[in-house]
Amino acid sequence: MSDKKKTEEFYKRLHSQLEEDTQWPSPYLYKFIVPASNEKIAEIERIFDNTGATIQTRDSSKGNYTSVSIKVTMASPEAVIEKYQEVSKVEGVISL
């Protein structure tokens, strides 16, 4: 199965889970692992500009990576997935 197909399946499954388990609008917690780079973290923060998001970062023990947690109220499962897709364009980011 191609990576694109796997990604599509993942987002379909996530959409179903979010629709079934959550009343919208609702707070949502995003978690990302980012190579320790202020530029990459700033890119992610820009994606969530003007959303009222609370953003916390924590460096790994060796300082090679940074954990980025973002709590924000989202309007719908589609809005949640849209942000994941935007962040996925930032090189080296792992979504948890």
Protein backbone atom coordinates (compact mmCIF):
# COMPACT_ATOMS: atom_id res chain seq x y z
CA MET A 1 0.00 0.00 0.00
CA SER A 2 1.36 3.42 -0.92
CA ASP A 3 2.14 6.05 1.72
CA LYS A 4 -0.56 8.30 0.27
CA LYS A 5 -3.16 5.53 0.61
CA LYS A 6 -2.06 4.83 4.21
CA THR A 7 -2.34 8.53 5.03
CA GLU A 8 -5.83 8.73 3.51
CA GLU A 9 -6.93 5.67 5.52
CA PHE A 10 -5.49 7.17 8.71
CA TYR A 11 -7.40 10.45 8.24
CA LYS A 12 -10.64 8.60 7.42
CA ARG A 13 -10.31 6.52 10.59
CA LEU A 14 -9.44 9.60 12.68
CA HIS A 15 -12.42 11.49 11.24
CA SER A 16 -14.77 8.64 12.19
CA GLN A 17 -13.38 8.39 15.71
CA LEU A 18 -13.60 12.14 16.28
CA GLU A 19 -17.15 12.27 14.96
CA GLU A 20 -18.30 9.38 17.17
CA ASP A 21 -16.49 10.29 20.39
CA THR A 22 -16.70 14.07 20.56
CA GLN A 23 -19.29 16.85 20.65
CA TRP A 24 -18.14 19.77 18.48
CA PRO A 25 -16.81 22.41 18.99
CA SER A 26 -14.44 20.84 21.48
CA PRO A 27 -10.94 21.24 22.95
CA TYR A 28 -8.37 19.12 21.14
CA LEU A 29 -4.78 18.31 22.14
CA TYR A 30 -2.20 18.02 19.38
CA LYS A 31 1.20 16.52 20.16
CA PHE A 32 4.20 16.73 17.89
CA ILE A 33 7.86 15.77 18.10
CA VAL A 34 10.10 18.23 16.28
CA PRO A 35 13.85 18.23 15.64
CA ALA A 36 15.26 20.82 18.05
CA SER A 37 14.96 23.81 15.75
CA ASN A 38 13.46 27.17 16.64
CA GLU A 39 12.48 27.64 12.98
CA LYS A 40 10.44 24.40 12.89
CA ILE A 41 8.73 25.23 16.18
CA ALA A 42 7.93 28.73 14.89
CA GLU A 43 6.42 27.21 11.72
CA ILE A 44 4.10 25.06 13.81
CA GLU A 45 3.18 28.00 16.05
CA ARG A 46 2.31 30.06 12.94
CA ILE A 47 -0.11 27.35 11.80
CA PHE A 48 -2.02 27.84 15.06
CA ASP A 49 -1.82 31.67 15.09
CA ASN A 50 -5.10 33.40 15.89
CA THR A 51 -6.77 30.21 17.10
CA GLY A 52 -6.49 30.88 20.83
CA ALA A 53 -4.21 27.85 21.18
CA THR A 54 -2.15 27.18 24.29
CA ILE A 55 1.27 25.94 23.18
CA GLN A 56 3.79 24.20 25.44
CA THR A 57 7.23 22.95 24.45
CA ARG A 58 9.66 20.66 26.23
CA ASP A 59 13.14 19.70 25.11
CA SER A 60 14.26 16.07 25.12
CA SER A 61 16.88 15.01 27.66
CA LYS A 62 19.69 15.20 25.08
CA GLY A 63 18.28 18.32 23.46
CA ASN A 64 17.93 16.76 19.99
CA TYR A 65 14.13 17.01 19.88
CA THR A 66 11.37 19.19 21.21
CA SER A 67 7.91 18.03 22.21
CA VAL A 68 5.20 20.51 21.19
CA SER A 69 1.75 20.21 22.82
CA ILE A 70 -1.03 22.41 21.51
CA LYS A 71 -4.43 22.67 23.16
CA VAL A 72 -7.02 24.47 21.09
CA THR A 73 -10.79 24.47 20.65
CA MET A 74 -11.65 23.09 17.22
CA ALA A 75 -14.97 23.41 15.40
CA SER A 76 -15.13 19.98 13.77
CA PRO A 77 -13.25 16.79 12.89
CA GLU A 78 -12.48 18.37 9.50
CA ALA A 79 -10.81 21.33 11.22
CA VAL A 80 -8.68 18.97 13.35
CA ILE A 81 -7.52 17.04 10.29
CA GLU A 82 -6.84 20.24 8.34
CA LYS A 83 -4.34 21.36 11.01
CA TYR A 84 -2.65 17.93 11.01
CA GLN A 85 -2.27 18.20 7.24
CA GLU A 86 -0.79 21.71 7.50
CA VAL A 87 1.72 20.59 10.15
CA SER A 88 2.66 17.52 8.08
CA LYS A 89 4.20 19.90 5.52
CA VAL A 90 6.80 20.99 8.09
CA GLU A 91 9.84 18.81 7.44
CA GLY A 92 10.85 16.34 10.16
CA VAL A 93 7.74 16.67 12.33
CA ILE A 94 6.22 13.54 13.86
CA SER A 95 2.54 13.71 14.84
CA LEU A 96 1.51 11.70 17.89
